[in-house]
N, C-alpha and C. Protein backbone atom coordinates (compact mmCIF):
# COMPACT_ATOMS: atom_id res chain seq x y z
N UNK A 1 92.19 42.85 -65.43
CA UNK A 1 92.33 41.48 -64.94
C UNK A 1 90.97 40.97 -64.50
N UNK A 2 90.65 39.75 -64.90
CA UNK A 2 89.36 39.15 -64.58
C UNK A 2 89.56 38.09 -63.51
N UNK A 3 88.76 38.12 -62.47
CA UNK A 3 88.80 37.08 -61.45
C UNK A 3 87.80 36.01 -61.80
N UNK A 4 87.91 34.85 -61.15
CA UNK A 4 86.94 33.79 -61.36
C UNK A 4 85.56 34.28 -60.94
N UNK A 5 84.53 33.97 -61.75
CA UNK A 5 83.20 34.51 -61.47
C UNK A 5 82.48 33.78 -60.36
N UNK A 6 81.52 34.49 -59.78
CA UNK A 6 80.54 33.87 -58.89
C UNK A 6 79.31 33.59 -59.73
N UNK A 7 78.86 32.34 -59.75
CA UNK A 7 77.67 31.98 -60.51
C UNK A 7 76.51 31.76 -59.56
N UNK A 8 75.34 32.24 -59.96
CA UNK A 8 74.15 32.10 -59.14
C UNK A 8 72.97 31.77 -60.03
N UNK A 9 72.21 30.74 -59.65
CA UNK A 9 70.97 30.45 -60.36
C UNK A 9 69.91 31.42 -59.87
N UNK A 10 68.97 31.78 -60.75
CA UNK A 10 67.92 32.70 -60.36
C UNK A 10 67.17 32.14 -59.16
N UNK A 11 66.96 33.04 -58.15
CA UNK A 11 66.28 32.68 -56.89
C UNK A 11 67.09 31.71 -56.05
N UNK A 12 68.39 31.60 -56.33
CA UNK A 12 69.24 30.70 -55.54
C UNK A 12 70.30 31.51 -54.83
N UNK A 13 70.76 31.04 -53.67
CA UNK A 13 71.83 31.72 -52.93
C UNK A 13 73.10 30.89 -52.94
N UNK A 14 73.17 29.87 -53.75
CA UNK A 14 74.36 29.05 -53.82
C UNK A 14 75.31 29.65 -54.84
N UNK A 15 76.62 29.59 -54.54
CA UNK A 15 77.61 30.11 -55.48
C UNK A 15 78.98 29.63 -55.09
N UNK A 16 79.96 30.05 -55.84
CA UNK A 16 81.33 29.67 -55.53
C UNK A 16 82.22 30.83 -55.86
N UNK A 17 83.34 30.93 -55.14
CA UNK A 17 84.32 31.95 -55.47
C UNK A 17 85.68 31.34 -55.31
N UNK A 18 86.64 31.83 -56.09
CA UNK A 18 88.00 31.29 -56.03
C UNK A 18 88.98 32.42 -56.24
N UNK A 19 90.12 32.33 -55.59
CA UNK A 19 91.17 33.33 -55.76
C UNK A 19 92.06 32.92 -56.92
N UNK A 20 92.43 33.89 -57.73
CA UNK A 20 93.37 33.62 -58.80
C UNK A 20 94.78 33.62 -58.22
N UNK A 21 95.56 32.52 -58.38
CA UNK A 21 96.91 32.52 -57.84
C UNK A 21 97.78 33.56 -58.53
N UNK A 22 98.55 34.34 -57.77
CA UNK A 22 99.40 35.39 -58.32
C UNK A 22 100.56 35.81 -57.39
N UNK A 23 101.51 36.92 -57.77
CA UNK A 23 102.77 37.01 -57.01
C UNK A 23 103.76 38.18 -57.08
N UNK A 24 104.97 38.18 -56.24
CA UNK A 24 106.02 39.25 -56.29
C UNK A 24 106.96 39.22 -55.09
N UNK A 25 108.12 39.84 -55.24
CA UNK A 25 109.04 39.93 -54.12
C UNK A 25 108.74 41.22 -53.39
N UNK A 26 108.55 41.18 -52.09
CA UNK A 26 108.16 42.38 -51.34
C UNK A 26 109.24 43.44 -51.43
N UNK A 27 108.79 44.68 -51.48
CA UNK A 27 109.68 45.79 -51.78
C UNK A 27 110.53 46.22 -50.59
N UNK A 28 111.63 46.92 -50.92
CA UNK A 28 112.49 47.45 -49.89
C UNK A 28 111.84 48.66 -49.23
N UNK A 29 112.18 48.86 -47.96
CA UNK A 29 111.63 50.01 -47.26
C UNK A 29 112.39 51.26 -47.62
N UNK A 30 111.79 52.41 -47.41
CA UNK A 30 112.43 53.70 -47.69
C UNK A 30 113.06 54.20 -46.41
N UNK A 31 114.32 54.60 -46.47
CA UNK A 31 114.99 55.16 -45.30
C UNK A 31 114.80 56.66 -45.31
N UNK A 32 114.28 57.22 -44.24
CA UNK A 32 113.99 58.65 -44.20
C UNK A 32 114.72 59.36 -43.09
N UNK A 33 114.67 60.68 -43.11
CA UNK A 33 115.28 61.47 -42.05
C UNK A 33 114.42 61.39 -40.80
N UNK A 34 115.05 61.32 -39.67
CA UNK A 34 114.32 61.21 -38.41
C UNK A 34 113.67 62.54 -38.08
N UNK A 35 112.42 62.48 -37.61
CA UNK A 35 111.74 63.68 -37.19
C UNK A 35 111.39 63.55 -35.72
N UNK A 36 111.21 64.68 -35.05
CA UNK A 36 110.93 64.64 -33.63
C UNK A 36 109.47 64.38 -33.34
N UNK A 37 109.14 64.31 -32.07
CA UNK A 37 107.73 64.16 -31.68
C UNK A 37 107.35 62.75 -31.39
N UNK A 38 107.42 61.88 -32.41
CA UNK A 38 107.12 60.47 -32.22
C UNK A 38 105.67 60.20 -31.88
N UNK A 39 104.76 61.16 -32.11
CA UNK A 39 103.37 60.93 -31.79
C UNK A 39 102.65 60.29 -32.96
N UNK A 40 101.59 59.57 -32.65
CA UNK A 40 100.85 58.87 -33.68
C UNK A 40 99.97 59.84 -34.46
N UNK A 41 99.90 59.61 -35.77
CA UNK A 41 99.09 60.44 -36.65
C UNK A 41 97.67 59.90 -36.68
N UNK A 42 96.70 60.81 -36.62
CA UNK A 42 95.30 60.40 -36.65
C UNK A 42 94.97 59.82 -38.02
N UNK A 43 94.36 58.63 -38.02
CA UNK A 43 94.00 57.97 -39.26
C UNK A 43 92.60 58.39 -39.71
N UNK A 44 92.37 58.34 -41.01
CA UNK A 44 91.08 58.71 -41.56
C UNK A 44 90.14 57.51 -41.59
N UNK A 45 88.86 57.77 -41.26
CA UNK A 45 87.83 56.74 -41.36
C UNK A 45 87.16 56.78 -42.74
N UNK A 46 87.54 57.73 -43.57
CA UNK A 46 86.89 57.88 -44.86
C UNK A 46 87.22 56.72 -45.77
N UNK A 47 86.19 56.13 -46.37
CA UNK A 47 86.36 54.99 -47.24
C UNK A 47 86.20 55.41 -48.70
N UNK A 48 86.91 54.74 -49.60
CA UNK A 48 86.74 55.06 -51.02
C UNK A 48 85.35 54.66 -51.49
N UNK A 49 84.88 55.25 -52.58
CA UNK A 49 83.55 54.89 -53.09
C UNK A 49 83.51 53.45 -53.58
N UNK A 50 82.33 52.88 -53.62
CA UNK A 50 82.18 51.53 -54.13
C UNK A 50 82.59 51.49 -55.60
N UNK A 51 83.27 50.45 -56.04
CA UNK A 51 83.71 50.38 -57.44
C UNK A 51 82.52 50.43 -58.41
N UNK A 52 82.75 50.87 -59.64
CA UNK A 52 81.67 50.90 -60.62
C UNK A 52 81.16 49.50 -60.93
N UNK A 53 79.88 49.43 -61.26
CA UNK A 53 79.23 48.16 -61.58
C UNK A 53 78.74 48.21 -63.02
N UNK A 54 79.06 47.19 -63.78
CA UNK A 54 78.58 47.06 -65.16
C UNK A 54 77.68 45.85 -65.25
N UNK A 55 76.45 46.04 -65.70
CA UNK A 55 75.50 44.94 -65.85
C UNK A 55 75.36 44.62 -67.34
N UNK A 56 75.57 43.35 -67.67
CA UNK A 56 75.46 42.91 -69.06
C UNK A 56 74.32 41.89 -69.17
N UNK A 57 73.38 42.16 -70.05
CA UNK A 57 72.27 41.23 -70.29
C UNK A 57 72.66 40.27 -71.40
N UNK A 58 72.48 38.99 -71.15
CA UNK A 58 72.90 37.96 -72.11
C UNK A 58 71.70 37.14 -72.57
N UNK A 59 71.55 37.03 -73.88
CA UNK A 59 70.47 36.19 -74.43
C UNK A 59 70.80 34.71 -74.31
N UNK A 60 72.06 34.39 -74.07
CA UNK A 60 72.46 32.99 -73.93
C UNK A 60 72.12 32.42 -72.57
N UNK A 61 71.98 33.30 -71.58
CA UNK A 61 71.69 32.84 -70.23
C UNK A 61 70.19 32.70 -70.03
N UNK A 62 69.80 31.58 -69.41
CA UNK A 62 68.39 31.31 -69.17
C UNK A 62 68.01 31.48 -67.71
N UNK A 63 68.79 30.87 -66.82
CA UNK A 63 68.42 30.87 -65.40
C UNK A 63 69.52 31.39 -64.48
N UNK A 64 70.75 31.40 -64.94
CA UNK A 64 71.86 31.76 -64.05
C UNK A 64 72.38 33.16 -64.32
N UNK A 65 72.91 33.76 -63.28
CA UNK A 65 73.60 35.04 -63.37
C UNK A 65 74.96 34.87 -62.72
N UNK A 66 75.92 35.70 -63.07
CA UNK A 66 77.25 35.59 -62.48
C UNK A 66 77.86 36.97 -62.32
N UNK A 67 78.84 37.06 -61.43
CA UNK A 67 79.53 38.31 -61.19
C UNK A 67 81.01 38.08 -61.01
N UNK A 68 81.82 39.05 -61.42
CA UNK A 68 83.27 38.91 -61.29
C UNK A 68 83.93 40.28 -61.36
N UNK A 69 85.21 40.32 -60.94
CA UNK A 69 86.00 41.54 -61.05
C UNK A 69 86.62 41.61 -62.43
N UNK A 70 86.64 42.80 -63.01
CA UNK A 70 87.34 43.01 -64.28
C UNK A 70 87.83 44.45 -64.34
N UNK A 71 89.14 44.61 -64.38
CA UNK A 71 89.75 45.95 -64.54
C UNK A 71 89.23 46.96 -63.52
N UNK A 72 89.14 46.55 -62.25
CA UNK A 72 88.76 47.46 -61.19
C UNK A 72 87.27 47.73 -61.07
N UNK A 73 86.45 47.01 -61.80
CA UNK A 73 85.00 47.18 -61.68
C UNK A 73 84.34 45.81 -61.50
N UNK A 74 83.09 45.84 -61.04
CA UNK A 74 82.31 44.62 -60.87
C UNK A 74 81.44 44.44 -62.11
N UNK A 75 81.55 43.27 -62.72
CA UNK A 75 80.76 42.96 -63.91
C UNK A 75 79.74 41.89 -63.54
N UNK A 76 78.48 42.15 -63.86
CA UNK A 76 77.40 41.22 -63.57
C UNK A 76 76.75 40.79 -64.89
N UNK A 77 76.65 39.49 -65.10
CA UNK A 77 75.98 38.94 -66.28
C UNK A 77 74.64 38.36 -65.86
N UNK A 78 73.56 38.79 -66.50
CA UNK A 78 72.22 38.33 -66.15
C UNK A 78 71.48 37.90 -67.41
N UNK A 79 70.49 37.01 -67.27
CA UNK A 79 69.66 36.63 -68.42
C UNK A 79 68.88 37.83 -68.95
N UNK A 80 68.85 38.00 -70.25
CA UNK A 80 68.18 39.15 -70.85
C UNK A 80 66.67 39.14 -70.60
N UNK A 81 66.12 37.95 -70.36
CA UNK A 81 64.66 37.84 -70.21
C UNK A 81 64.14 38.37 -68.88
N UNK A 82 65.02 38.64 -67.91
CA UNK A 82 64.56 39.08 -66.60
C UNK A 82 63.91 40.45 -66.66
N UNK A 83 62.89 40.63 -65.82
CA UNK A 83 62.26 41.95 -65.71
C UNK A 83 63.20 42.90 -64.97
N UNK A 84 62.90 44.18 -65.02
CA UNK A 84 63.74 45.17 -64.33
C UNK A 84 63.79 44.91 -62.83
N UNK A 85 62.65 44.55 -62.23
CA UNK A 85 62.60 44.27 -60.79
C UNK A 85 63.42 43.04 -60.45
N UNK A 86 63.27 41.98 -61.23
CA UNK A 86 64.03 40.74 -60.98
C UNK A 86 65.52 41.00 -61.14
N UNK A 87 65.87 41.75 -62.16
CA UNK A 87 67.28 42.03 -62.43
C UNK A 87 67.90 42.84 -61.28
N UNK A 88 67.16 43.85 -60.79
CA UNK A 88 67.70 44.70 -59.72
C UNK A 88 68.02 43.93 -58.47
N UNK A 89 67.12 43.05 -58.06
CA UNK A 89 67.34 42.26 -56.84
C UNK A 89 68.50 41.30 -57.00
N UNK A 90 68.58 40.66 -58.17
CA UNK A 90 69.64 39.69 -58.41
C UNK A 90 71.01 40.38 -58.49
N UNK A 91 71.03 41.53 -59.17
CA UNK A 91 72.29 42.25 -59.35
C UNK A 91 72.86 42.71 -58.01
N UNK A 92 72.02 43.28 -57.16
CA UNK A 92 72.51 43.80 -55.88
C UNK A 92 73.11 42.70 -55.03
N UNK A 93 72.46 41.54 -55.00
CA UNK A 93 72.99 40.42 -54.23
C UNK A 93 74.33 39.94 -54.76
N UNK A 94 74.46 39.89 -56.09
CA UNK A 94 75.72 39.44 -56.68
C UNK A 94 76.83 40.45 -56.47
N UNK A 95 76.49 41.74 -56.56
CA UNK A 95 77.50 42.77 -56.32
C UNK A 95 78.08 42.63 -54.92
N UNK A 96 77.23 42.43 -53.93
CA UNK A 96 77.71 42.27 -52.55
C UNK A 96 78.62 41.05 -52.42
N UNK A 97 78.29 39.98 -53.11
CA UNK A 97 79.11 38.77 -53.02
C UNK A 97 80.45 38.95 -53.71
N UNK A 98 80.45 39.67 -54.84
CA UNK A 98 81.72 39.94 -55.52
C UNK A 98 82.58 40.88 -54.67
N UNK A 99 81.98 41.91 -54.07
CA UNK A 99 82.74 42.81 -53.20
C UNK A 99 83.34 42.06 -52.01
N UNK A 100 82.65 41.03 -51.54
CA UNK A 100 83.16 40.24 -50.41
C UNK A 100 84.44 39.50 -50.78
N UNK A 101 84.67 39.27 -52.07
CA UNK A 101 85.92 38.64 -52.49
C UNK A 101 87.11 39.56 -52.25
N UNK A 102 86.88 40.86 -52.31
CA UNK A 102 87.95 41.85 -52.15
C UNK A 102 87.51 42.89 -51.12
N UNK A 103 87.42 42.51 -49.85
CA UNK A 103 86.88 43.42 -48.83
C UNK A 103 87.71 44.68 -48.64
N UNK A 104 88.98 44.66 -49.03
CA UNK A 104 89.83 45.84 -48.81
C UNK A 104 89.59 46.94 -49.83
N UNK A 105 88.77 46.67 -50.84
CA UNK A 105 88.49 47.69 -51.85
C UNK A 105 87.88 48.93 -51.22
N UNK A 106 87.10 48.76 -50.18
CA UNK A 106 86.41 49.91 -49.56
C UNK A 106 86.86 50.16 -48.11
N UNK A 107 88.03 49.69 -47.73
CA UNK A 107 88.49 49.94 -46.36
C UNK A 107 89.20 51.29 -46.24
N UNK A 108 89.15 51.87 -45.05
CA UNK A 108 89.76 53.17 -44.78
C UNK A 108 91.18 52.99 -44.21
N UNK A 109 91.87 54.12 -44.04
CA UNK A 109 93.17 54.08 -43.38
C UNK A 109 93.04 53.55 -41.95
N UNK A 110 91.96 53.91 -41.29
CA UNK A 110 91.74 53.42 -39.92
C UNK A 110 91.56 51.91 -39.91
N UNK A 111 90.85 51.38 -40.88
CA UNK A 111 90.71 49.93 -40.99
C UNK A 111 92.07 49.27 -41.18
N UNK A 112 92.90 49.88 -42.01
CA UNK A 112 94.23 49.36 -42.27
C UNK A 112 95.07 49.39 -41.00
N UNK A 113 94.95 50.48 -40.25
CA UNK A 113 95.68 50.61 -38.99
C UNK A 113 95.27 49.50 -38.01
N UNK A 114 93.98 49.23 -37.92
CA UNK A 114 93.51 48.19 -37.00
C UNK A 114 94.01 46.81 -37.43
N UNK A 115 94.01 46.58 -38.74
CA UNK A 115 94.51 45.29 -39.24
C UNK A 115 96.00 45.14 -38.93
N UNK A 116 96.77 46.19 -39.15
CA UNK A 116 98.21 46.15 -38.88
C UNK A 116 98.48 45.95 -37.38
N UNK A 117 97.69 46.59 -36.54
CA UNK A 117 97.87 46.45 -35.09
C UNK A 117 97.65 45.01 -34.64
N UNK A 118 96.63 44.37 -35.20
CA UNK A 118 96.35 42.98 -34.83
C UNK A 118 97.50 42.07 -35.26
N UNK A 119 98.05 42.32 -36.45
CA UNK A 119 99.18 41.51 -36.93
C UNK A 119 100.42 41.78 -36.10
N UNK A 120 100.65 43.04 -35.75
CA UNK A 120 101.82 43.37 -34.93
C UNK A 120 101.74 42.70 -33.56
N UNK A 121 100.55 42.68 -32.99
CA UNK A 121 100.38 42.03 -31.69
C UNK A 121 100.63 40.53 -31.77
N UNK A 122 100.23 39.93 -32.89
CA UNK A 122 100.36 38.48 -33.03
C UNK A 122 101.77 38.04 -33.38
N UNK A 123 102.46 38.84 -34.22
CA UNK A 123 103.74 38.36 -34.76
C UNK A 123 104.97 39.17 -34.33
N UNK A 124 104.79 40.44 -33.92
CA UNK A 124 105.95 41.30 -33.74
C UNK A 124 105.96 42.05 -32.41
N UNK A 125 105.38 41.45 -31.40
CA UNK A 125 105.47 42.02 -30.06
C UNK A 125 104.76 43.35 -29.88
N UNK A 126 103.79 43.66 -30.74
CA UNK A 126 103.00 44.88 -30.56
C UNK A 126 103.65 46.15 -31.06
N UNK A 127 104.64 46.05 -31.94
CA UNK A 127 105.26 47.25 -32.50
C UNK A 127 104.22 48.09 -33.22
N UNK A 128 104.36 49.42 -33.20
CA UNK A 128 103.40 50.30 -33.84
C UNK A 128 104.11 51.33 -34.72
N UNK A 129 103.56 51.60 -35.92
CA UNK A 129 104.07 52.70 -36.74
C UNK A 129 103.52 54.02 -36.24
N UNK A 130 104.14 55.11 -36.64
CA UNK A 130 103.57 56.43 -36.32
C UNK A 130 102.29 56.65 -37.12
N UNK A 131 102.28 56.16 -38.35
CA UNK A 131 101.06 56.21 -39.17
C UNK A 131 101.14 55.12 -40.22
N UNK A 132 99.98 54.73 -40.74
CA UNK A 132 99.92 53.77 -41.83
C UNK A 132 98.75 54.15 -42.72
N UNK A 133 99.00 54.23 -44.02
CA UNK A 133 97.98 54.73 -44.94
C UNK A 133 98.01 53.99 -46.28
N UNK A 134 96.86 54.00 -46.94
CA UNK A 134 96.81 53.61 -48.35
C UNK A 134 97.32 54.78 -49.18
N UNK A 135 98.10 54.49 -50.22
CA UNK A 135 98.57 55.55 -51.12
C UNK A 135 98.44 55.09 -52.56
N UNK A 136 98.19 56.05 -53.46
CA UNK A 136 98.00 55.71 -54.86
C UNK A 136 99.21 55.96 -55.74
N UNK A 137 100.32 56.38 -55.14
CA UNK A 137 101.49 56.74 -55.95
C UNK A 137 102.61 55.71 -55.92
N UNK A 138 102.34 54.53 -55.41
CA UNK A 138 103.37 53.47 -55.38
C UNK A 138 103.02 52.43 -56.45
N UNK A 139 103.54 52.66 -57.64
CA UNK A 139 103.26 51.77 -58.75
C UNK A 139 104.32 50.70 -58.94
N UNK A 140 105.45 50.85 -58.26
CA UNK A 140 106.54 49.89 -58.43
C UNK A 140 106.96 49.25 -57.11
N UNK A 141 106.18 49.45 -56.09
CA UNK A 141 106.43 48.80 -54.80
C UNK A 141 105.08 48.55 -54.15
N UNK A 142 105.05 47.55 -53.28
CA UNK A 142 103.80 47.20 -52.60
C UNK A 142 103.62 47.97 -51.30
N UNK A 143 104.72 48.30 -50.68
CA UNK A 143 104.64 49.04 -49.44
C UNK A 143 105.98 49.68 -49.15
N UNK A 144 105.97 50.63 -48.24
CA UNK A 144 107.22 51.27 -47.84
C UNK A 144 107.16 51.61 -46.35
N UNK A 145 108.33 51.56 -45.72
CA UNK A 145 108.45 51.94 -44.31
C UNK A 145 109.59 52.94 -44.19
N UNK A 146 109.28 54.15 -43.78
CA UNK A 146 110.30 55.17 -43.58
C UNK A 146 110.80 55.05 -42.14
N UNK A 147 112.01 54.58 -41.99
CA UNK A 147 112.50 54.25 -40.65
C UNK A 147 112.60 55.47 -39.74
N UNK A 148 112.98 56.64 -40.31
CA UNK A 148 113.15 57.82 -39.48
C UNK A 148 111.85 58.34 -38.89
N UNK A 149 110.78 58.30 -39.67
CA UNK A 149 109.49 58.81 -39.21
C UNK A 149 108.55 57.72 -38.74
N UNK A 150 108.92 56.46 -38.97
CA UNK A 150 108.10 55.30 -38.61
C UNK A 150 106.73 55.35 -39.31
N UNK A 151 106.74 55.80 -40.54
CA UNK A 151 105.52 55.86 -41.34
C UNK A 151 105.51 54.72 -42.35
N UNK A 152 104.37 54.06 -42.47
CA UNK A 152 104.19 52.97 -43.43
C UNK A 152 103.16 53.39 -44.46
N UNK A 153 103.46 53.12 -45.72
CA UNK A 153 102.54 53.40 -46.81
C UNK A 153 102.28 52.10 -47.58
N UNK A 154 101.02 51.84 -47.88
CA UNK A 154 100.63 50.61 -48.56
C UNK A 154 99.99 50.97 -49.90
N UNK A 155 100.44 50.33 -50.97
CA UNK A 155 99.94 50.64 -52.31
C UNK A 155 98.46 50.29 -52.45
N UNK A 156 97.74 51.19 -53.10
CA UNK A 156 96.31 50.97 -53.38
C UNK A 156 96.10 49.71 -54.22
N UNK A 157 97.12 49.28 -54.96
CA UNK A 157 96.98 48.09 -55.79
C UNK A 157 96.68 46.85 -54.95
N UNK A 158 97.06 46.89 -53.67
CA UNK A 158 96.85 45.74 -52.80
C UNK A 158 95.40 45.62 -52.32
N UNK A 159 94.56 46.59 -52.64
CA UNK A 159 93.14 46.47 -52.30
C UNK A 159 92.50 45.27 -53.00
N UNK A 160 93.09 44.85 -54.11
CA UNK A 160 92.48 43.81 -54.93
C UNK A 160 93.08 42.43 -54.71
N UNK A 161 93.98 42.28 -53.76
CA UNK A 161 94.57 40.97 -53.49
C UNK A 161 93.85 40.32 -52.30
N UNK A 162 93.98 39.01 -52.15
CA UNK A 162 93.38 38.35 -50.98
C UNK A 162 93.94 38.90 -49.68
N UNK A 163 93.15 38.81 -48.61
CA UNK A 163 93.56 39.37 -47.33
C UNK A 163 94.87 38.82 -46.81
N UNK A 164 95.12 37.53 -47.01
CA UNK A 164 96.36 36.95 -46.48
C UNK A 164 97.60 37.50 -47.19
N UNK A 165 97.45 37.94 -48.45
CA UNK A 165 98.57 38.55 -49.17
C UNK A 165 98.84 39.95 -48.60
N UNK A 166 97.79 40.73 -48.40
CA UNK A 166 97.95 42.03 -47.75
C UNK A 166 98.60 41.87 -46.38
N UNK A 167 98.20 40.87 -45.63
CA UNK A 167 98.77 40.65 -44.30
C UNK A 167 100.27 40.40 -44.38
N UNK A 168 100.71 39.65 -45.38
CA UNK A 168 102.15 39.39 -45.54
C UNK A 168 102.92 40.69 -45.79
N UNK A 169 102.35 41.58 -46.61
CA UNK A 169 103.00 42.87 -46.87
C UNK A 169 103.04 43.71 -45.60
N UNK A 170 101.94 43.71 -44.86
CA UNK A 170 101.90 44.49 -43.61
C UNK A 170 102.94 43.98 -42.62
N UNK A 171 103.05 42.68 -42.45
CA UNK A 171 104.05 42.14 -41.52
C UNK A 171 105.45 42.50 -42.00
N UNK A 172 105.67 42.43 -43.30
CA UNK A 172 106.96 42.79 -43.88
C UNK A 172 107.34 44.23 -43.51
N UNK A 173 106.41 45.16 -43.72
CA UNK A 173 106.71 46.56 -43.43
C UNK A 173 106.80 46.82 -41.92
N UNK A 174 105.97 46.19 -41.14
CA UNK A 174 106.05 46.33 -39.68
C UNK A 174 107.38 45.81 -39.15
N UNK A 175 107.89 44.74 -39.76
CA UNK A 175 109.17 44.19 -39.32
C UNK A 175 110.31 45.19 -39.53
N UNK A 176 110.14 46.08 -40.52
CA UNK A 176 111.17 47.10 -40.75
C UNK A 176 111.22 48.14 -39.64
N UNK A 177 110.17 48.24 -38.84
CA UNK A 177 110.22 49.13 -37.68
C UNK A 177 111.18 48.60 -36.62
N UNK A 178 111.42 47.30 -36.66
CA UNK A 178 112.34 46.66 -35.72
C UNK A 178 113.72 46.52 -36.33
N UNK A 179 113.77 46.14 -37.60
CA UNK A 179 115.03 45.94 -38.31
C UNK A 179 114.95 46.63 -39.68
N UNK A 180 115.60 47.80 -39.85
CA UNK A 180 115.46 48.58 -41.09
C UNK A 180 115.99 47.88 -42.34
N UNK A 181 117.00 47.05 -42.22
CA UNK A 181 117.60 46.43 -43.40
C UNK A 181 117.03 45.04 -43.62
N UNK A 182 117.35 44.47 -44.78
CA UNK A 182 116.91 43.11 -45.09
C UNK A 182 117.95 42.10 -44.62
N UNK A 183 118.24 42.17 -43.35
CA UNK A 183 119.23 41.29 -42.74
C UNK A 183 118.60 39.93 -42.42
N UNK A 184 119.43 39.02 -41.93
CA UNK A 184 118.92 37.71 -41.51
C UNK A 184 117.91 37.89 -40.37
N UNK A 185 118.18 38.84 -39.49
CA UNK A 185 117.24 39.11 -38.40
C UNK A 185 115.89 39.56 -38.95
N UNK A 186 115.92 40.45 -39.96
CA UNK A 186 114.67 40.91 -40.56
C UNK A 186 113.90 39.74 -41.17
N UNK A 187 114.60 38.88 -41.89
CA UNK A 187 113.92 37.75 -42.53
C UNK A 187 113.27 36.85 -41.50
N UNK A 188 113.92 36.67 -40.37
CA UNK A 188 113.31 35.85 -39.32
C UNK A 188 112.03 36.50 -38.79
N UNK A 189 112.07 37.82 -38.65
CA UNK A 189 110.88 38.53 -38.18
C UNK A 189 109.74 38.43 -39.19
N UNK A 190 110.03 38.72 -40.46
CA UNK A 190 108.99 38.69 -41.49
C UNK A 190 108.43 37.29 -41.68
N UNK A 191 109.28 36.30 -41.54
CA UNK A 191 108.85 34.92 -41.76
C UNK A 191 108.05 34.34 -40.59
N UNK A 192 107.85 35.12 -39.55
CA UNK A 192 106.92 34.67 -38.51
C UNK A 192 105.52 34.54 -39.09
N UNK A 193 105.25 35.30 -40.13
CA UNK A 193 103.98 35.13 -40.84
C UNK A 193 104.16 33.96 -41.80
N UNK A 194 103.42 32.90 -41.61
CA UNK A 194 103.69 31.63 -42.26
C UNK A 194 103.53 31.65 -43.78
N UNK A 195 102.73 32.57 -44.31
CA UNK A 195 102.45 32.55 -45.75
C UNK A 195 103.26 33.59 -46.52
N UNK A 196 104.39 34.02 -45.96
CA UNK A 196 105.22 35.03 -46.61
C UNK A 196 105.70 34.59 -47.98
N UNK A 197 106.27 33.40 -48.07
CA UNK A 197 106.79 32.93 -49.37
C UNK A 197 105.65 32.75 -50.37
N UNK A 198 104.52 32.26 -49.91
CA UNK A 198 103.36 32.08 -50.77
C UNK A 198 102.88 33.44 -51.30
N UNK A 199 102.91 34.45 -50.44
CA UNK A 199 102.50 35.80 -50.87
C UNK A 199 103.47 36.36 -51.90
N UNK A 200 104.78 36.11 -51.71
CA UNK A 200 105.77 36.55 -52.70
C UNK A 200 105.42 36.00 -54.08
N UNK A 201 105.09 34.71 -54.11
CA UNK A 201 104.76 34.05 -55.38
C UNK A 201 103.49 34.64 -55.98
N UNK A 202 102.49 34.85 -55.14
CA UNK A 202 101.23 35.44 -55.60
C UNK A 202 101.48 36.81 -56.23
N UNK A 203 102.23 37.65 -55.53
CA UNK A 203 102.45 39.01 -55.99
C UNK A 203 103.31 39.08 -57.25
N UNK A 204 104.20 38.13 -57.43
CA UNK A 204 105.00 38.08 -58.66
C UNK A 204 104.08 37.83 -59.85
N UNK A 205 103.15 36.91 -59.70
CA UNK A 205 102.20 36.63 -60.77
C UNK A 205 101.23 37.78 -60.97
N UNK A 206 100.82 38.42 -59.87
CA UNK A 206 99.91 39.55 -59.93
C UNK A 206 100.54 40.68 -60.73
N UNK A 207 101.81 40.95 -60.47
CA UNK A 207 102.54 41.97 -61.20
C UNK A 207 102.62 41.62 -62.68
N UNK A 208 102.94 40.38 -62.99
CA UNK A 208 103.03 39.95 -64.39
C UNK A 208 101.70 40.12 -65.10
N UNK A 209 100.60 39.80 -64.40
CA UNK A 209 99.29 39.95 -64.99
C UNK A 209 98.96 41.40 -65.28
N UNK A 210 99.33 42.30 -64.36
CA UNK A 210 99.08 43.73 -64.58
C UNK A 210 99.90 44.27 -65.75
N UNK A 211 101.17 43.83 -65.82
CA UNK A 211 102.04 44.29 -66.91
C UNK A 211 101.55 43.78 -68.26
N UNK A 212 101.07 42.54 -68.28
CA UNK A 212 100.57 41.97 -69.53
C UNK A 212 99.31 42.69 -69.99
N UNK A 213 98.45 43.04 -69.02
CA UNK A 213 97.18 43.70 -69.35
C UNK A 213 97.39 45.09 -69.92
N UNK A 214 98.48 45.77 -69.51
CA UNK A 214 98.72 47.14 -69.97
C UNK A 214 99.71 47.20 -71.13
N UNK A 215 100.24 46.04 -71.54
CA UNK A 215 101.24 46.03 -72.63
C UNK A 215 100.59 46.35 -73.97
């Protein structure tokens, strides 16, 4: 999947970025067996490595360079005429700007925990999970909440969505700590986050785009 590019003129710091509209219905939580203890699990500060960067030299480009996301990597287009030194400085700046579009690509479990805590304090009376982690094995759901153990798992696929979409999923899963089922009470809790419906629509389109790309 390709995101809208950031364009930069050589020696310029002006650019633009835009989010691609996309979507889905948030997944059901997983009901688990209750375990004793109830203590919080220590979160990891370890961050994933920076995504791969591909630099493409273009003879068609004279003064501008651009960067964008494509299939989980950062692609940078630069004028072929640039020297190695000029290219290196321009590429690094563009890479940082493209990474800023998707800040969760390199966040740790601890970062996720802090983000969830802030949302819980704002929307759900400070409820806390026993643990919350990024996981790579949820290909058909965005997140899960095991009610018995109070553990929340968030799909790695959400690293590439806008922050407000991730926030909607986090509020959804946190709400399951209060109400395990998708009852009217649960919907009222989840809908305290104002962009819930918008996030559903985004994720539905996001899913369609991923399915189309792999078809």
